[in-house]
């Protein structure tokens, strides 16, 4: 289903609906199947699929806007869509490039499935021993060549959206004498694929980021969409970094905007007997809310201009992508922490959403690129090391 215009109205309506369900999903720690169904009904899986395949052909700017809006309602659902938008934003560009190995027919099939069936995809990369591949190392998940294709065996952790995924891009190493590493496309309905519901985290509790186990899973030879010698992965992927950091930044900015909206309403409504008027009349609260507005304005400007550069063909450096994500997420965290501090006990009460916003926004420090990696890389570059 092609996304119906106007896009912002669609996203706003879904965000309001998701906000009504957010507390229940968070308390139960359950995957938001209902939210995903609504996203499919609205045609969102086809947002970043090219128009020639029936998609909306959206660039990073529109994708980030949708993610930020949805995150105001329920960021776990926004995270599932973030990963899906990212993959389609990259897959079709790579299939069209003579320098990339992505098969055009496979890419087109994934795009049509997203548009027609609401098929969702994510890259499954993290492992118990490896951690995040972005910090280096060889995956333990093995692809064994057969006469008809590949057999995949291994375990992936933190597999966001796993209960709703139709496809996984599984990061593997081959069992060849000189192993290659890279991505093999695995339909999640394949025999030998199973999900262990291990996700029980402080924040983003409805994201379904469970373990996925692959037990001798057979896939066709052409599903080895991107296998390279290890040294082939050392060159930074500017497009991947830009799309990922911009949408993650938009997501955590969306959480902060929900926190600010609650905090403003609280300051207006709360009238302590000792004061005789609302907290909103106090300079301390006015200054805090104003500082929060400053951070949100900076975030909006950064995300918007960054995405415009990417969509205009001027992809920022890996360092700039890291600076964007670090700055926006740290601004968002500062905002929510300030709101909690001034709200006092109501801010930490589970009767109010602010404590959930705090738990969710802190997840921004875990998503790659992490702040230490961004700063160390920048420092080494500045020092000429």
Protein backbone atom coordinates (compact mmCIF):
# COMPACT_ATOMS: atom_id res chain seq x y z
CA UNK A 1 0.00 0.00 0.00
CA UNK A 2 1.44 3.39 -0.98
CA UNK A 3 1.55 5.96 1.77
CA UNK A 4 -1.40 8.33 1.49
CA UNK A 5 -0.69 12.06 1.72
CA UNK A 6 -0.22 14.14 3.68
CA UNK A 7 2.63 12.30 5.35
CA UNK A 8 2.85 14.45 8.46
CA UNK A 9 -0.86 14.06 9.22
CA UNK A 10 -0.54 10.30 8.91
CA UNK A 11 2.41 10.23 11.30
CA UNK A 12 0.72 12.59 13.76
CA UNK A 13 -2.40 10.44 13.90
CA UNK A 14 -0.41 7.28 14.50
CA UNK A 15 1.66 8.98 17.21
CA UNK A 16 -1.46 9.99 19.12
CA UNK A 17 -2.81 6.44 18.90
CA UNK A 18 0.50 4.89 19.94
CA UNK A 19 0.76 7.24 22.94
CA UNK A 20 -2.51 5.83 24.29
CA UNK A 21 -1.04 2.31 24.22
CA UNK A 22 2.51 3.12 25.28
CA UNK A 23 2.14 2.63 29.02
CA UNK A 24 0.48 -0.77 28.64
CA UNK A 25 3.15 -2.07 26.27
CA UNK A 26 5.90 -0.70 28.51
CA UNK A 27 4.55 -2.23 31.71
CA UNK A 28 4.01 -5.62 30.09
CA UNK A 29 7.27 -5.48 28.13
CA UNK A 30 5.37 -6.80 25.13
CA UNK A 31 6.00 -6.21 21.47
CA UNK A 32 3.64 -3.60 19.99
CA UNK A 33 2.01 -5.80 17.33
CA UNK A 34 -0.97 -3.45 17.16
CA UNK A 35 1.24 -0.47 16.38
CA UNK A 36 3.06 -2.38 13.66
CA UNK A 37 -0.28 -3.42 12.13
CA UNK A 38 -1.34 0.23 12.05
CA UNK A 39 1.94 1.20 10.39
CA UNK A 40 1.38 -1.45 7.75
CA UNK A 41 -2.18 -0.31 7.16
CA UNK A 42 -0.88 3.23 6.65
CA UNK A 43 1.65 2.04 4.08
CA UNK A 44 4.70 3.07 6.09
CA UNK A 45 6.87 0.03 5.19
CA UNK A 46 6.97 1.37 1.63
CA UNK A 47 8.11 4.87 2.61
CA UNK A 48 11.76 4.57 1.51
CA UNK A 49 11.11 2.09 -1.31
CA UNK A 50 11.66 3.60 -4.80
CA UNK A 51 8.61 4.83 -6.68
CA UNK A 52 9.31 2.46 -9.58
CA UNK A 53 8.52 -0.39 -7.15
CA UNK A 54 5.34 1.28 -5.87
CA UNK A 55 6.91 2.92 -2.82
CA UNK A 56 6.85 6.54 -1.74
CA UNK A 57 10.51 7.10 -2.69
CA UNK A 58 11.14 9.17 0.45
CA UNK A 59 14.60 10.43 1.30
CA UNK A 60 16.23 10.78 4.68
CA UNK A 61 14.47 14.04 5.53
CA UNK A 62 11.00 12.54 5.27
CA UNK A 63 12.06 9.31 6.96
CA UNK A 64 13.56 11.19 9.91
CA UNK A 65 10.42 13.31 10.22
CA UNK A 66 8.23 10.21 10.40
CA UNK A 67 10.50 8.55 12.95
CA UNK A 68 10.63 11.63 15.17
CA UNK A 69 6.87 12.00 15.06
CA UNK A 70 6.16 8.34 15.82
CA UNK A 71 8.68 8.41 18.67
CA UNK A 72 6.64 11.09 20.42
CA UNK A 73 3.93 8.47 20.75
CA UNK A 74 5.90 5.26 21.25
CA UNK A 75 9.64 5.07 20.50
CA UNK A 76 9.92 1.27 20.40
CA UNK A 77 7.70 1.16 17.34
CA UNK A 78 9.65 4.06 15.86
CA UNK A 79 12.85 2.05 16.37
CA UNK A 80 11.50 -0.91 14.41
CA UNK A 81 10.62 1.43 11.53
CA UNK A 82 14.00 3.16 11.84
CA UNK A 83 15.82 -0.08 11.11
CA UNK A 84 13.47 -0.95 8.25
CA UNK A 85 13.73 2.50 6.63
CA UNK A 86 17.51 2.34 6.97
CA UNK A 87 17.78 -0.97 5.14
CA UNK A 88 15.59 0.12 2.24
CA UNK A 89 17.37 3.46 2.09
CA UNK A 90 20.60 1.53 1.49
CA UNK A 91 19.54 -1.62 -0.36
CA UNK A 92 18.16 0.06 -3.46
CA UNK A 93 21.07 2.48 -3.75
CA UNK A 94 23.51 -0.40 -3.54
CA UNK A 95 21.64 -2.53 -6.05
CA UNK A 96 21.77 0.34 -8.51
CA UNK A 97 25.51 0.90 -8.04
CA UNK A 98 27.99 -1.01 -10.24
CA UNK A 99 30.45 -0.95 -7.33
CA UNK A 100 28.17 -2.92 -5.03
CA UNK A 101 27.31 -6.62 -5.07
CA UNK A 102 23.62 -6.38 -4.18
CA UNK A 103 21.53 -8.34 -6.75
CA UNK A 104 18.93 -6.07 -8.36
CA UNK A 105 16.26 -8.80 -8.45
CA UNK A 106 16.58 -9.47 -4.71
CA UNK A 107 16.42 -5.77 -3.88
CA UNK A 108 13.37 -5.28 -6.09
CA UNK A 109 11.64 -8.25 -4.50
CA UNK A 110 12.20 -6.84 -1.02
CA UNK A 111 10.89 -3.46 -2.11
CA UNK A 112 7.72 -4.87 -3.63
CA UNK A 113 7.12 -7.04 -0.55
CA UNK A 114 7.40 -3.97 1.70
CA UNK A 115 4.90 -2.06 -0.43
CA UNK A 116 2.40 -4.84 -1.13
CA UNK A 117 2.60 -6.94 2.05
CA UNK A 118 4.12 -4.61 4.64
CA UNK A 119 7.20 -6.84 4.85
CA UNK A 120 9.74 -5.64 7.41
CA UNK A 121 13.50 -6.12 7.39
CA UNK A 122 16.35 -5.49 9.82
CA UNK A 123 20.05 -6.27 9.93
CA UNK A 124 20.84 -8.92 12.57
CA UNK A 125 24.44 -8.31 13.55
CA UNK A 126 25.11 -8.32 17.30
CA UNK A 127 26.25 -11.54 19.01
CA UNK A 128 26.89 -12.63 22.62
CA UNK A 129 30.68 -12.82 22.19
CA UNK A 130 31.21 -10.38 19.35
CA UNK A 131 29.14 -7.52 20.70
CA UNK A 132 28.51 -4.88 18.05
CA UNK A 133 30.50 -5.55 14.84
CA UNK A 134 31.11 -1.82 14.55
CA UNK A 135 33.91 -2.19 17.09
CA UNK A 136 35.59 -4.94 15.04
CA UNK A 137 35.83 -8.71 15.23
CA UNK A 138 34.61 -11.74 13.31
CA UNK A 139 31.05 -13.04 13.72
CA UNK A 140 30.51 -16.48 15.20
CA UNK A 141 27.47 -17.05 13.00
CA UNK A 142 28.67 -19.34 10.20
CA UNK A 143 27.51 -19.70 6.60
CA UNK A 144 28.40 -23.10 5.17
CA UNK A 145 28.36 -23.43 1.39
CA UNK A 146 26.26 -26.24 -0.10
CA UNK A 147 25.52 -27.40 -3.64
CA UNK A 148 22.37 -25.24 -3.69
CA UNK A 149 23.28 -22.27 -1.51
CA UNK A 150 24.14 -21.75 2.13
CA UNK A 151 23.38 -23.18 5.57
CA UNK A 152 23.34 -20.62 8.39
CA UNK A 153 23.97 -21.43 12.07
CA UNK A 154 24.39 -19.01 14.95
CA UNK A 155 22.72 -16.66 17.45
CA UNK A 156 21.98 -12.97 17.14
CA UNK A 157 21.04 -10.79 20.10
CA UNK A 158 19.25 -7.43 20.36
CA UNK A 159 17.37 -8.20 17.14
CA UNK A 160 14.97 -5.26 17.11
CA UNK A 161 11.50 -5.98 15.78
CA UNK A 162 12.15 -9.73 15.60
CA UNK A 163 8.50 -10.78 16.20
CA UNK A 164 7.38 -8.83 13.11
CA UNK A 165 10.33 -9.21 10.74
CA UNK A 166 9.82 -11.04 7.48
CA UNK A 167 13.50 -10.84 6.50
CA UNK A 168 16.80 -10.60 8.32
CA UNK A 169 20.12 -9.47 6.90
CA UNK A 170 22.29 -11.83 8.91
CA UNK A 171 25.94 -10.90 9.47
CA UNK A 172 28.01 -14.07 9.01
CA UNK A 173 31.44 -15.48 8.28
CA UNK A 174 31.84 -18.23 5.73
CA UNK A 175 33.48 -21.58 6.47
CA UNK A 176 35.83 -21.15 3.50
CA UNK A 177 39.60 -21.61 3.82
CA UNK A 178 39.88 -17.83 3.65
CA UNK A 179 36.65 -16.71 5.33
CA UNK A 180 34.58 -13.87 3.97
CA UNK A 181 32.22 -11.88 6.14
CA UNK A 182 29.06 -10.04 5.30
CA UNK A 183 25.30 -10.25 4.91
CA UNK A 184 23.08 -13.12 3.85
CA UNK A 185 19.36 -12.50 3.43
CA UNK A 186 17.30 -14.97 5.47
CA UNK A 187 13.48 -15.15 5.30
CA UNK A 188 12.42 -15.27 8.94
CA UNK A 189 9.80 -17.94 8.23
CA UNK A 190 12.54 -20.39 7.16
CA UNK A 191 12.86 -23.75 8.88
CA UNK A 192 15.44 -23.54 11.64
CA UNK A 193 14.81 -19.90 12.57
CA UNK A 194 13.43 -19.36 16.05
CA UNK A 195 13.09 -16.46 18.45
CA UNK A 196 13.93 -16.61 22.16
CA UNK A 197 12.07 -13.84 23.97
CA UNK A 198 14.98 -12.49 25.99
CA UNK A 199 14.33 -8.74 25.73
CA UNK A 200 13.62 -7.34 29.23
CA UNK A 201 15.35 -3.97 29.35
CA UNK A 202 14.95 -0.71 31.22
CA UNK A 203 13.86 1.24 28.15
CA UNK A 204 12.33 0.68 24.71
CA UNK A 205 10.64 -2.31 26.25
CA UNK A 206 8.17 -2.84 23.39
CA UNK A 207 10.82 -3.16 20.67
CA UNK A 208 10.94 -6.97 20.66
CA UNK A 209 14.75 -6.94 20.52
CA UNK A 210 14.99 -10.65 21.29
CA UNK A 211 17.57 -13.30 20.45
CA UNK A 212 17.23 -15.00 17.07
CA UNK A 213 18.70 -18.48 16.65
CA UNK A 214 19.60 -19.97 13.28
CA UNK A 215 19.92 -23.76 13.26
CA UNK A 216 21.27 -25.00 9.93
CA UNK A 217 18.94 -22.66 8.00
CA UNK A 218 18.99 -23.22 4.22
CA UNK A 219 18.99 -20.19 1.92
CA UNK A 220 19.56 -19.92 -1.85
CA UNK A 221 22.99 -19.00 -3.19
CA UNK A 222 21.79 -15.62 -4.49
CA UNK A 223 20.81 -14.57 -0.95
CA UNK A 224 24.50 -14.01 -0.17
CA UNK A 225 23.97 -10.37 -1.05
CA UNK A 226 27.19 -8.87 0.32
CA UNK A 227 30.12 -11.12 1.23
CA UNK A 228 33.62 -9.64 1.26
CA UNK A 229 37.10 -10.39 2.62
CA UNK A 230 37.44 -8.87 6.11
CA UNK A 231 39.52 -5.98 4.81
CA UNK A 232 36.64 -5.05 2.51
CA UNK A 233 34.67 -3.87 5.53
CA UNK A 234 37.27 -1.44 6.84
CA UNK A 235 36.22 1.48 4.68
CA UNK A 236 33.52 3.56 6.43
CA UNK A 237 30.04 3.47 4.90
CA UNK A 238 29.08 7.14 4.84
CA UNK A 239 25.52 6.55 3.66
CA UNK A 240 24.80 3.93 6.29
CA UNK A 241 26.21 6.11 9.06
CA UNK A 242 24.27 9.16 7.90
CA UNK A 243 20.90 7.42 7.66
CA UNK A 244 21.33 5.59 10.94
CA UNK A 245 22.49 8.55 13.01
CA UNK A 246 19.90 10.95 11.61
CA UNK A 247 16.95 8.67 12.29
CA UNK A 248 18.20 7.65 15.74
CA UNK A 249 18.69 11.33 16.53
CA UNK A 250 15.14 12.07 15.41
CA UNK A 251 13.84 9.20 17.54
CA UNK A 252 15.41 10.38 20.79
CA UNK A 253 14.50 13.98 20.01
CA UNK A 254 10.91 12.76 19.71
CA UNK A 255 11.08 11.23 23.18
CA UNK A 256 12.39 14.53 24.55
CA UNK A 257 9.57 16.46 22.91
CA UNK A 258 7.00 14.27 24.64
CA UNK A 259 8.79 14.85 27.94
CA UNK A 260 8.76 18.61 27.38
CA UNK A 261 5.04 18.59 26.56
CA UNK A 262 4.27 16.72 29.79
CA UNK A 263 6.55 19.00 31.82
CA UNK A 264 4.90 22.16 30.47
CA UNK A 265 1.43 20.81 31.30
CA UNK A 266 2.64 19.81 34.77
CA UNK A 267 4.09 23.28 35.44
CA UNK A 268 0.84 24.93 34.41
CA UNK A 269 -1.42 22.60 36.35
CA UNK A 270 0.55 22.12 39.57
CA UNK A 271 -0.41 24.74 42.18
CA UNK A 272 1.21 24.05 45.56
CA UNK A 273 -0.72 25.42 48.50
CA UNK A 274 2.36 27.20 49.77
CA UNK A 275 2.69 29.06 46.47
CA UNK A 276 -0.93 29.84 45.70
CA UNK A 277 -0.29 29.81 41.95
CA UNK A 278 1.08 27.47 39.34
CA UNK A 279 4.72 26.39 39.11
CA UNK A 280 4.74 27.99 35.67
CA UNK A 281 4.86 31.42 37.31
CA UNK A 282 8.24 30.70 38.93
CA UNK A 283 11.34 32.03 37.14
CA UNK A 284 13.14 28.77 37.88
CA UNK A 285 10.57 26.79 35.89
CA UNK A 286 10.40 29.39 33.14
CA UNK A 287 14.17 29.27 32.72
CA UNK A 288 14.23 25.45 32.69
CA UNK A 289 11.46 25.21 30.10
CA UNK A 290 13.16 27.89 28.02
CA UNK A 291 16.46 26.01 28.14
CA UNK A 292 14.66 22.87 27.03
CA UNK A 293 13.15 24.80 24.13
CA UNK A 294 16.65 25.92 23.14
CA UNK A 295 17.88 22.33 23.04
CA UNK A 296 14.90 21.23 20.95
CA UNK A 297 15.43 24.09 18.50
CA UNK A 298 19.10 23.14 18.11
CA UNK A 299 18.15 19.50 17.59
CA UNK A 300 15.56 20.36 14.94
CA UNK A 301 17.99 22.56 13.04
CA UNK A 302 20.75 19.95 13.13
CA UNK A 303 18.57 17.05 12.00
CA UNK A 304 16.87 19.05 9.27
CA UNK A 305 20.06 20.48 7.76
CA UNK A 306 21.93 17.19 8.06
CA UNK A 307 19.17 15.25 6.27
CA UNK A 308 18.93 17.94 3.58
CA UNK A 309 22.64 17.53 2.86
CA UNK A 310 22.26 13.76 2.53
CA UNK A 311 19.21 14.04 0.28
CA UNK A 312 21.06 16.63 -1.80
CA UNK A 313 23.93 14.23 -2.45
CA UNK A 314 26.43 15.78 -0.02
CA UNK A 315 26.81 12.93 2.45
CA UNK A 316 28.56 14.08 5.65
CA UNK A 317 31.66 12.40 7.01
CA UNK A 318 31.51 9.61 9.56
CA UNK A 319 32.75 12.11 12.14
CA UNK A 320 29.91 14.52 11.39
CA UNK A 321 27.36 11.72 11.62
CA UNK A 322 28.75 10.81 15.02
CA UNK A 323 28.66 14.42 16.18
CA UNK A 324 25.02 14.70 15.13
CA UNK A 325 23.93 11.63 17.05
CA UNK A 326 25.99 12.52 20.13
CA UNK A 327 24.80 16.12 20.26
CA UNK A 328 21.11 15.44 19.67
CA UNK A 329 20.85 12.48 22.05
CA UNK A 330 22.79 14.24 24.82
CA UNK A 331 20.54 17.30 24.40
CA UNK A 332 17.50 15.02 24.66
CA UNK A 333 18.83 13.33 27.79
CA UNK A 334 19.63 16.67 29.43
CA UNK A 335 16.11 17.87 28.73
CA UNK A 336 14.39 14.84 30.23
CA UNK A 337 16.68 14.75 33.27
CA UNK A 338 16.00 18.44 33.93
CA UNK A 339 12.26 17.86 33.72
CA UNK A 340 12.48 14.95 36.17
CA UNK A 341 14.59 16.96 38.60
CA UNK A 342 12.16 19.86 38.70
CA UNK A 343 9.02 17.73 38.70
CA UNK A 344 10.25 15.85 41.77
CA UNK A 345 8.39 12.73 42.86
CA UNK A 346 5.66 13.06 40.18
CA UNK A 347 8.41 12.85 37.58
CA UNK A 348 9.47 9.44 38.83
CA UNK A 349 5.99 8.10 39.48
CA UNK A 350 4.82 5.37 37.14
CA UNK A 351 1.44 7.08 37.14
CA UNK A 352 3.03 9.67 34.84
CA UNK A 353 4.85 9.12 31.52
CA UNK A 354 7.94 11.17 32.39
CA UNK A 355 9.75 8.29 34.09
CA UNK A 356 9.15 6.16 30.98
CA UNK A 357 10.54 8.95 28.79
CA UNK A 358 13.63 9.01 31.02
CA UNK A 359 14.17 5.25 30.66
CA UNK A 360 13.62 5.41 26.91
CA UNK A 361 15.86 8.41 26.23
CA UNK A 362 18.79 6.90 28.12
CA UNK A 363 18.90 4.14 25.49
CA UNK A 364 20.31 6.77 23.16
CA UNK A 365 23.69 6.32 24.84
CA UNK A 366 23.75 2.64 23.90
CA UNK A 367 22.99 2.93 20.21
CA UNK A 368 26.00 3.08 17.92
CA UNK A 369 27.95 5.26 17.50
CA UNK A 370 28.50 5.60 21.20
CA UNK A 371 29.86 8.84 22.61
CA UNK A 372 33.26 7.48 23.61
CA UNK A 373 33.91 6.14 20.10
CA UNK A 374 32.87 9.44 18.51
CA UNK A 375 35.10 11.52 20.78
CA UNK A 376 38.12 9.22 20.62
CA UNK A 377 37.99 9.09 16.81
CA UNK A 378 37.70 12.89 16.61
CA UNK A 379 40.50 13.36 19.11
CA UNK A 380 42.84 11.00 17.29
CA UNK A 381 42.11 12.74 13.99
CA UNK A 382 42.76 16.18 15.49
CA UNK A 383 46.04 14.94 16.98
CA UNK A 384 47.10 13.34 13.72
CA UNK A 385 47.29 9.87 15.25
